[in-house]
Amino acid sequence: MSRPPLNSPFLLGFDEIERALDRVARTASDGYPPYNIERIPRSDSAPELLRITLAVAGFTRDQLDVSLEENQLVIRGRQTEERERHFLHRGIAARQFQRAFLLAEGMQVLGADLVNGLLSIDLARPEPERVIKKIEIVARD
């Protein structure tokens, strides 16, 4: 699938967004681990939240790493082979993964939680401030 470039004369300074879209398109094909993204509505005491939940059954907290690298949320999982175990059938492989989510400017990572094989990461979406700035016109004769 080809995406047209953002080269409209009305879109000035969006080259960073175009690079981000290209980066997301390259990493979107991997389906492991499966994940959900949920919107949690704003309440009186909390802003609107986004919750990313990844199915990481078989991983312990020590085998998972969640980091913020520039504007990317990166989740990594590393399992090692247990050499002393002898399987008659091996259907569950020890596996590594990396899943990255590109975050918009101002998004805040509130924390991560691992319960029953589900890793949940909460993000706060700050309310955008409406900015109106009057630009003075200078007359040059």
N, C-alpha and C. Protein backbone atom coordinates (compact mmCIF):
# COMPACT_ATOMS: atom_id res chain seq x y z
N MET A 1 0.84 -1.18 0.00
CA MET A 1 0.00 0.00 0.00
C MET A 1 0.88 1.24 0.00
N SER A 2 0.65 2.13 -0.93
CA SER A 2 1.44 3.34 -1.05
C SER A 2 0.66 4.52 -0.49
N ARG A 3 1.38 5.39 0.21
CA ARG A 3 0.76 6.56 0.81
C ARG A 3 1.31 7.79 0.09
N PRO A 4 0.45 8.72 -0.30
CA PRO A 4 0.98 9.91 -0.96
C PRO A 4 1.78 10.77 0.02
N PRO A 5 2.83 11.42 -0.45
CA PRO A 5 3.61 12.27 0.45
C PRO A 5 2.82 13.50 0.87
N LEU A 6 3.22 14.07 1.98
CA LEU A 6 2.56 15.27 2.48
C LEU A 6 3.23 16.49 1.85
N ASN A 7 3.04 16.64 0.55
CA ASN A 7 3.75 17.72 -0.14
C ASN A 7 2.81 18.82 -0.62
N SER A 8 1.67 18.96 0.01
CA SER A 8 0.76 20.05 -0.34
C SER A 8 1.41 21.38 0.08
N PRO A 9 1.22 22.44 -0.70
CA PRO A 9 1.80 23.73 -0.32
C PRO A 9 1.16 24.31 0.94
N PHE A 10 0.04 23.74 1.40
CA PHE A 10 -0.63 24.22 2.60
C PHE A 10 -0.16 23.48 3.86
N LEU A 11 0.63 22.43 3.71
CA LEU A 11 1.14 21.66 4.84
C LEU A 11 2.62 21.99 5.03
N LEU A 12 2.89 23.01 5.81
CA LEU A 12 4.25 23.47 6.02
C LEU A 12 4.80 22.91 7.34
N GLY A 13 5.97 22.33 7.28
CA GLY A 13 6.62 21.83 8.49
C GLY A 13 6.13 20.47 8.95
N PHE A 14 5.50 19.69 8.08
CA PHE A 14 4.97 18.38 8.44
C PHE A 14 5.89 17.24 8.03
N ASP A 15 7.15 17.55 7.69
CA ASP A 15 8.06 16.49 7.27
C ASP A 15 8.33 15.49 8.39
N GLU A 16 8.31 15.94 9.64
CA GLU A 16 8.50 15.04 10.78
C GLU A 16 7.34 14.05 10.90
N ILE A 17 6.14 14.51 10.61
CA ILE A 17 4.97 13.62 10.65
C ILE A 17 5.07 12.58 9.54
N GLU A 18 5.54 12.98 8.38
CA GLU A 18 5.70 12.03 7.29
C GLU A 18 6.71 10.94 7.65
N ARG A 19 7.80 11.33 8.29
CA ARG A 19 8.80 10.34 8.73
C ARG A 19 8.20 9.41 9.79
N ALA A 20 7.38 9.95 10.68
CA ALA A 20 6.74 9.13 11.71
C ALA A 20 5.77 8.13 11.08
N LEU A 21 5.01 8.54 10.08
CA LEU A 21 4.09 7.64 9.39
C LEU A 21 4.84 6.52 8.68
N ASP A 22 5.98 6.84 8.09
CA ASP A 22 6.79 5.81 7.45
C ASP A 22 7.32 4.81 8.47
N ARG A 23 7.75 5.31 9.64
CA ARG A 23 8.26 4.43 10.69
C ARG A 23 7.17 3.50 11.21
N VAL A 24 5.97 4.03 11.40
CA VAL A 24 4.85 3.21 11.88
C VAL A 24 4.47 2.16 10.85
N ALA A 25 4.48 2.51 9.58
CA ALA A 25 4.11 1.56 8.53
C ALA A 25 5.09 0.39 8.48
N ARG A 26 6.36 0.64 8.75
CA ARG A 26 7.35 -0.44 8.73
C ARG A 26 7.19 -1.40 9.90
N THR A 27 6.78 -0.92 11.07
CA THR A 27 6.69 -1.77 12.25
C THR A 27 5.31 -2.36 12.48
N ALA A 28 4.31 -1.97 11.71
CA ALA A 28 2.93 -2.39 11.96
C ALA A 28 2.65 -3.83 11.54
N SER A 29 3.54 -4.47 10.81
CA SER A 29 3.24 -5.80 10.27
C SER A 29 3.39 -6.93 11.28
N ASP A 30 4.17 -6.74 12.35
CA ASP A 30 4.37 -7.80 13.33
C ASP A 30 3.15 -7.90 14.24
N GLY A 31 2.60 -9.11 14.38
CA GLY A 31 1.37 -9.28 15.16
C GLY A 31 1.59 -9.80 16.57
N TYR A 32 2.85 -9.93 17.02
CA TYR A 32 3.10 -10.48 18.34
C TYR A 32 3.78 -9.44 19.20
N PRO A 33 3.37 -9.27 20.42
CA PRO A 33 2.20 -9.87 21.06
C PRO A 33 0.94 -9.09 20.68
N PRO A 34 -0.22 -9.76 20.76
CA PRO A 34 -1.45 -9.04 20.47
C PRO A 34 -1.70 -7.97 21.54
N TYR A 35 -2.40 -6.92 21.14
CA TYR A 35 -2.63 -5.81 22.08
C TYR A 35 -3.98 -5.16 21.82
N ASN A 36 -4.45 -4.44 22.84
CA ASN A 36 -5.65 -3.60 22.75
C ASN A 36 -5.24 -2.17 23.09
N ILE A 37 -5.95 -1.22 22.52
CA ILE A 37 -5.82 0.18 22.93
C ILE A 37 -7.22 0.64 23.29
N GLU A 38 -7.35 1.12 24.52
CA GLU A 38 -8.66 1.47 25.08
C GLU A 38 -8.67 2.94 25.48
N ARG A 39 -9.76 3.61 25.22
CA ARG A 39 -9.93 4.99 25.66
C ARG A 39 -10.73 4.98 26.95
N ILE A 40 -10.21 5.62 27.99
CA ILE A 40 -10.90 5.72 29.26
C ILE A 40 -11.34 7.17 29.39
N PRO A 41 -12.66 7.42 29.41
CA PRO A 41 -13.15 8.80 29.39
C PRO A 41 -12.68 9.62 30.59
N ARG A 42 -12.64 10.88 30.37
CA ARG A 42 -12.23 11.85 31.39
C ARG A 42 -13.25 11.86 32.51
N SER A 43 -12.77 12.02 33.73
CA SER A 43 -13.65 12.16 34.88
C SER A 43 -13.37 13.51 35.54
N ASP A 44 -14.08 13.78 36.62
CA ASP A 44 -13.87 15.06 37.31
C ASP A 44 -12.45 15.19 37.86
N SER A 45 -11.86 14.06 38.26
CA SER A 45 -10.54 14.11 38.90
C SER A 45 -9.40 13.66 38.00
N ALA A 46 -9.70 13.16 36.81
CA ALA A 46 -8.62 12.63 35.96
C ALA A 46 -8.86 13.01 34.50
N PRO A 47 -7.78 13.25 33.76
CA PRO A 47 -7.93 13.54 32.32
C PRO A 47 -8.28 12.27 31.56
N GLU A 48 -8.60 12.43 30.29
CA GLU A 48 -8.83 11.27 29.43
C GLU A 48 -7.55 10.44 29.38
N LEU A 49 -7.72 9.11 29.48
CA LEU A 49 -6.58 8.20 29.45
C LEU A 49 -6.67 7.29 28.25
N LEU A 50 -5.52 6.83 27.79
CA LEU A 50 -5.43 5.74 26.84
C LEU A 50 -4.73 4.61 27.56
N ARG A 51 -5.23 3.39 27.41
CA ARG A 51 -4.61 2.22 28.04
C ARG A 51 -4.23 1.24 26.95
N ILE A 52 -2.95 0.91 26.88
CA ILE A 52 -2.45 -0.11 25.98
C ILE A 52 -2.30 -1.38 26.80
N THR A 53 -2.92 -2.47 26.36
CA THR A 53 -2.82 -3.75 27.05
C THR A 53 -2.24 -4.78 26.10
N LEU A 54 -1.13 -5.39 26.51
CA LEU A 54 -0.47 -6.41 25.70
C LEU A 54 -0.62 -7.76 26.38
N ALA A 55 -0.90 -8.80 25.58
CA ALA A 55 -0.99 -10.16 26.09
C ALA A 55 0.41 -10.74 26.15
N VAL A 56 0.97 -10.83 27.35
CA VAL A 56 2.35 -11.28 27.53
C VAL A 56 2.40 -12.50 28.46
N ALA A 57 1.48 -13.43 28.25
CA ALA A 57 1.44 -14.63 29.09
C ALA A 57 2.78 -15.36 29.03
N GLY A 58 3.25 -15.80 30.18
CA GLY A 58 4.52 -16.52 30.25
C GLY A 58 5.70 -15.63 30.55
N PHE A 59 5.54 -14.31 30.49
CA PHE A 59 6.62 -13.39 30.82
C PHE A 59 6.48 -12.92 32.26
N THR A 60 7.60 -12.85 32.96
CA THR A 60 7.61 -12.28 34.30
C THR A 60 7.93 -10.79 34.20
N ARG A 61 7.76 -10.10 35.30
CA ARG A 61 8.04 -8.67 35.32
C ARG A 61 9.50 -8.40 34.97
N ASP A 62 10.41 -9.27 35.41
CA ASP A 62 11.84 -9.09 35.14
C ASP A 62 12.19 -9.32 33.67
N GLN A 63 11.34 -10.01 32.92
CA GLN A 63 11.61 -10.28 31.52
C GLN A 63 11.01 -9.23 30.59
N LEU A 64 10.33 -8.24 31.17
CA LEU A 64 9.70 -7.17 30.40
C LEU A 64 10.39 -5.85 30.68
N ASP A 65 10.43 -5.01 29.66
CA ASP A 65 11.03 -3.68 29.79
C ASP A 65 10.14 -2.69 29.06
N VAL A 66 9.76 -1.63 29.75
CA VAL A 66 8.96 -0.55 29.15
C VAL A 66 9.79 0.71 29.26
N SER A 67 10.02 1.37 28.12
CA SER A 67 10.83 2.58 28.13
C SER A 67 10.24 3.62 27.17
N LEU A 68 10.60 4.86 27.44
CA LEU A 68 10.20 5.97 26.58
C LEU A 68 11.47 6.46 25.90
N GLU A 69 11.53 6.31 24.58
CA GLU A 69 12.71 6.70 23.80
C GLU A 69 12.28 7.79 22.83
N GLU A 70 12.68 9.01 23.16
CA GLU A 70 12.23 10.21 22.45
C GLU A 70 10.71 10.24 22.52
N ASN A 71 10.02 10.12 21.41
CA ASN A 71 8.55 10.14 21.47
C ASN A 71 7.95 8.77 21.17
N GLN A 72 8.71 7.72 21.46
CA GLN A 72 8.22 6.35 21.25
C GLN A 72 8.15 5.61 22.57
N LEU A 73 7.03 4.93 22.78
CA LEU A 73 6.89 4.01 23.90
C LEU A 73 7.32 2.65 23.37
N VAL A 74 8.36 2.07 23.97
CA VAL A 74 8.92 0.81 23.48
C VAL A 74 8.76 -0.24 24.57
N ILE A 75 8.14 -1.38 24.22
CA ILE A 75 7.95 -2.49 25.13
C ILE A 75 8.75 -3.67 24.59
N ARG A 76 9.62 -4.23 25.43
CA ARG A 76 10.44 -5.37 25.03
C ARG A 76 10.21 -6.52 25.98
N GLY A 77 10.22 -7.73 25.43
CA GLY A 77 10.12 -8.93 26.23
C GLY A 77 11.22 -9.89 25.84
N ARG A 78 11.90 -10.46 26.84
CA ARG A 78 13.00 -11.40 26.58
C ARG A 78 12.83 -12.62 27.47
N GLN A 79 12.70 -13.76 26.86
CA GLN A 79 12.67 -15.02 27.58
C GLN A 79 13.88 -15.83 27.17
N THR A 80 14.41 -16.62 28.10
CA THR A 80 15.56 -17.45 27.79
C THR A 80 15.14 -18.91 27.81
N GLU A 81 15.84 -19.70 27.03
CA GLU A 81 15.59 -21.14 26.99
C GLU A 81 16.06 -21.78 28.29
N GLU A 82 15.25 -22.68 28.83
CA GLU A 82 15.65 -23.43 30.01
C GLU A 82 16.23 -24.76 29.55
N ARG A 83 17.54 -24.90 29.64
CA ARG A 83 18.24 -26.07 29.10
C ARG A 83 17.96 -27.35 29.88
N GLU A 84 17.62 -27.23 31.16
CA GLU A 84 17.44 -28.43 31.97
C GLU A 84 16.08 -29.10 31.78
N ARG A 85 15.19 -28.48 31.06
CA ARG A 85 13.87 -29.07 30.83
C ARG A 85 13.89 -29.89 29.55
N HIS A 86 13.24 -31.07 29.59
CA HIS A 86 13.17 -31.96 28.43
C HIS A 86 11.70 -32.10 28.04
N PHE A 87 11.34 -31.54 26.89
CA PHE A 87 9.96 -31.53 26.43
C PHE A 87 9.68 -32.74 25.53
N LEU A 88 8.52 -33.36 25.73
CA LEU A 88 8.05 -34.37 24.79
C LEU A 88 7.36 -33.69 23.61
N HIS A 89 6.74 -32.54 23.89
CA HIS A 89 6.13 -31.71 22.85
C HIS A 89 6.39 -30.26 23.24
N ARG A 90 6.83 -29.46 22.29
CA ARG A 90 7.12 -28.05 22.56
C ARG A 90 6.23 -27.18 21.67
N GLY A 91 5.13 -26.71 22.23
CA GLY A 91 4.22 -25.85 21.47
C GLY A 91 4.30 -24.40 21.89
N ILE A 92 4.90 -24.13 23.05
CA ILE A 92 5.05 -22.76 23.55
C ILE A 92 6.53 -22.43 23.50
N ALA A 93 6.90 -21.59 22.58
CA ALA A 93 8.32 -21.25 22.40
C ALA A 93 8.70 -20.09 23.31
N ALA A 94 9.93 -20.12 23.80
CA ALA A 94 10.49 -18.95 24.48
C ALA A 94 10.78 -17.94 23.38
N ARG A 95 10.28 -16.75 23.56
CA ARG A 95 10.25 -15.81 22.46
C ARG A 95 10.63 -14.41 22.92
N GLN A 96 11.19 -13.63 22.04
CA GLN A 96 11.48 -12.24 22.32
C GLN A 96 10.59 -11.37 21.44
N PHE A 97 10.32 -10.16 21.91
CA PHE A 97 9.54 -9.24 21.09
C PHE A 97 9.93 -7.81 21.41
N GLN A 98 9.58 -6.95 20.48
CA GLN A 98 9.67 -5.51 20.70
C GLN A 98 8.47 -4.89 20.00
N ARG A 99 7.74 -4.09 20.73
CA ARG A 99 6.57 -3.40 20.18
C ARG A 99 6.74 -1.92 20.51
N ALA A 100 6.59 -1.06 19.50
CA ALA A 100 6.77 0.38 19.71
C ALA A 100 5.51 1.13 19.31
N PHE A 101 5.18 2.14 20.07
CA PHE A 101 4.04 3.01 19.80
C PHE A 101 4.56 4.44 19.74
N LEU A 102 4.24 5.13 18.66
CA LEU A 102 4.65 6.51 18.48
C LEU A 102 3.65 7.39 19.22
N LEU A 103 4.14 8.22 20.13
CA LEU A 103 3.28 9.06 20.96
C LEU A 103 3.24 10.49 20.44
N ALA A 104 2.08 11.10 20.52
CA ALA A 104 1.93 12.50 20.13
C ALA A 104 2.64 13.38 21.15
N GLU A 105 2.97 14.56 20.72
CA GLU A 105 3.63 15.52 21.60
C GLU A 105 2.74 15.78 22.83
N GLY A 106 3.33 15.74 24.00
CA GLY A 106 2.60 16.02 25.23
C GLY A 106 2.01 14.82 25.92
N MET A 107 1.99 13.64 25.27
CA MET A 107 1.46 12.44 25.91
C MET A 107 2.36 12.07 27.09
N GLN A 108 1.73 11.65 28.18
CA GLN A 108 2.47 11.29 29.38
C GLN A 108 2.22 9.84 29.73
N VAL A 109 3.29 9.10 30.01
CA VAL A 109 3.17 7.71 30.44
C VAL A 109 3.00 7.75 31.96
N LEU A 110 1.85 7.25 32.44
CA LEU A 110 1.55 7.30 33.87
C LEU A 110 2.09 6.10 34.63
N GLY A 111 2.15 4.94 33.98
CA GLY A 111 2.65 3.75 34.66
C GLY A 111 2.30 2.49 33.92
N ALA A 112 2.87 1.38 34.41
CA ALA A 112 2.63 0.06 33.80
C ALA A 112 2.26 -0.92 34.90
N ASP A 113 1.44 -1.91 34.52
CA ASP A 113 0.91 -2.87 35.49
C ASP A 113 0.84 -4.24 34.82
N LEU A 114 1.31 -5.29 35.50
CA LEU A 114 1.28 -6.65 34.97
C LEU A 114 0.39 -7.49 35.87
N VAL A 115 -0.75 -7.95 35.31
CA VAL A 115 -1.71 -8.77 36.06
C VAL A 115 -2.21 -9.89 35.16
N ASN A 116 -2.08 -11.13 35.63
CA ASN A 116 -2.61 -12.31 34.92
C ASN A 116 -2.17 -12.38 33.47
N GLY A 117 -0.92 -12.07 33.19
CA GLY A 117 -0.39 -12.17 31.83
C GLY A 117 -0.75 -11.01 30.92
N LEU A 118 -1.34 -9.96 31.48
CA LEU A 118 -1.67 -8.77 30.69
C LEU A 118 -0.87 -7.58 31.21
N LEU A 119 -0.09 -6.98 30.33
CA LEU A 119 0.68 -5.79 30.67
C LEU A 119 -0.12 -4.58 30.21
N SER A 120 -0.51 -3.73 31.17
CA SER A 120 -1.28 -2.53 30.85
C SER A 120 -0.42 -1.30 31.11
N ILE A 121 -0.45 -0.37 30.16
CA ILE A 121 0.31 0.87 30.26
C ILE A 121 -0.69 2.01 30.08
N ASP A 122 -0.76 2.90 31.06
CA ASP A 122 -1.69 4.02 31.01
C ASP A 122 -0.98 5.28 30.53
N LEU A 123 -1.64 5.97 29.63
CA LEU A 123 -1.13 7.22 29.06
C LEU A 123 -2.16 8.32 29.29
N ALA A 124 -1.70 9.51 29.63
CA ALA A 124 -2.60 10.66 29.80
C ALA A 124 -2.49 11.53 28.56
N ARG A 125 -3.65 11.90 28.07
CA ARG A 125 -3.71 12.81 26.93
C ARG A 125 -4.08 14.18 27.48
N PRO A 126 -3.14 15.10 27.51
CA PRO A 126 -3.45 16.41 28.08
C PRO A 126 -4.43 17.17 27.20
N GLU A 127 -5.21 18.02 27.85
CA GLU A 127 -6.14 18.87 27.10
C GLU A 127 -5.35 19.91 26.32
N PRO A 128 -5.60 19.98 25.01
CA PRO A 128 -4.86 20.99 24.23
C PRO A 128 -5.31 22.39 24.61
N GLU A 129 -4.33 23.27 24.66
CA GLU A 129 -4.61 24.65 24.97
C GLU A 129 -4.91 25.38 23.67
N ARG A 130 -6.01 26.09 23.63
CA ARG A 130 -6.33 26.85 22.42
C ARG A 130 -5.56 28.15 22.44
N VAL A 131 -4.73 28.33 21.44
CA VAL A 131 -3.86 29.50 21.38
C VAL A 131 -4.25 30.33 20.17
N ILE A 132 -4.54 31.57 20.43
CA ILE A 132 -4.81 32.52 19.35
C ILE A 132 -3.83 33.67 19.55
N LYS A 133 -3.06 33.93 18.52
CA LYS A 133 -2.06 34.97 18.61
C LYS A 133 -2.26 35.95 17.46
N LYS A 134 -2.36 37.21 17.79
CA LYS A 134 -2.54 38.25 16.79
C LYS A 134 -1.16 38.61 16.22
N ILE A 135 -1.04 38.59 14.90
CA ILE A 135 0.20 38.93 14.22
C ILE A 135 0.05 40.35 13.66
N GLU A 136 0.90 41.22 14.14
CA GLU A 136 0.85 42.59 13.68
C GLU A 136 1.41 42.69 12.26
N ILE A 137 0.80 43.51 11.47
CA ILE A 137 1.24 43.75 10.09
C ILE A 137 2.04 45.05 10.09
N VAL A 138 3.26 44.94 9.61
CA VAL A 138 4.11 46.10 9.55
C VAL A 138 3.99 46.71 8.16
N ALA A 139 3.74 48.00 8.09
CA ALA A 139 3.65 48.69 6.81
C ALA A 139 5.04 49.20 6.41
N ARG A 140 5.48 48.78 5.22
CA ARG A 140 6.78 49.22 4.70
C ARG A 140 6.53 49.99 3.40
N ASP A 141 6.91 51.21 3.42
CA ASP A 141 6.69 52.04 2.22
C ASP A 141 7.97 52.30 1.49
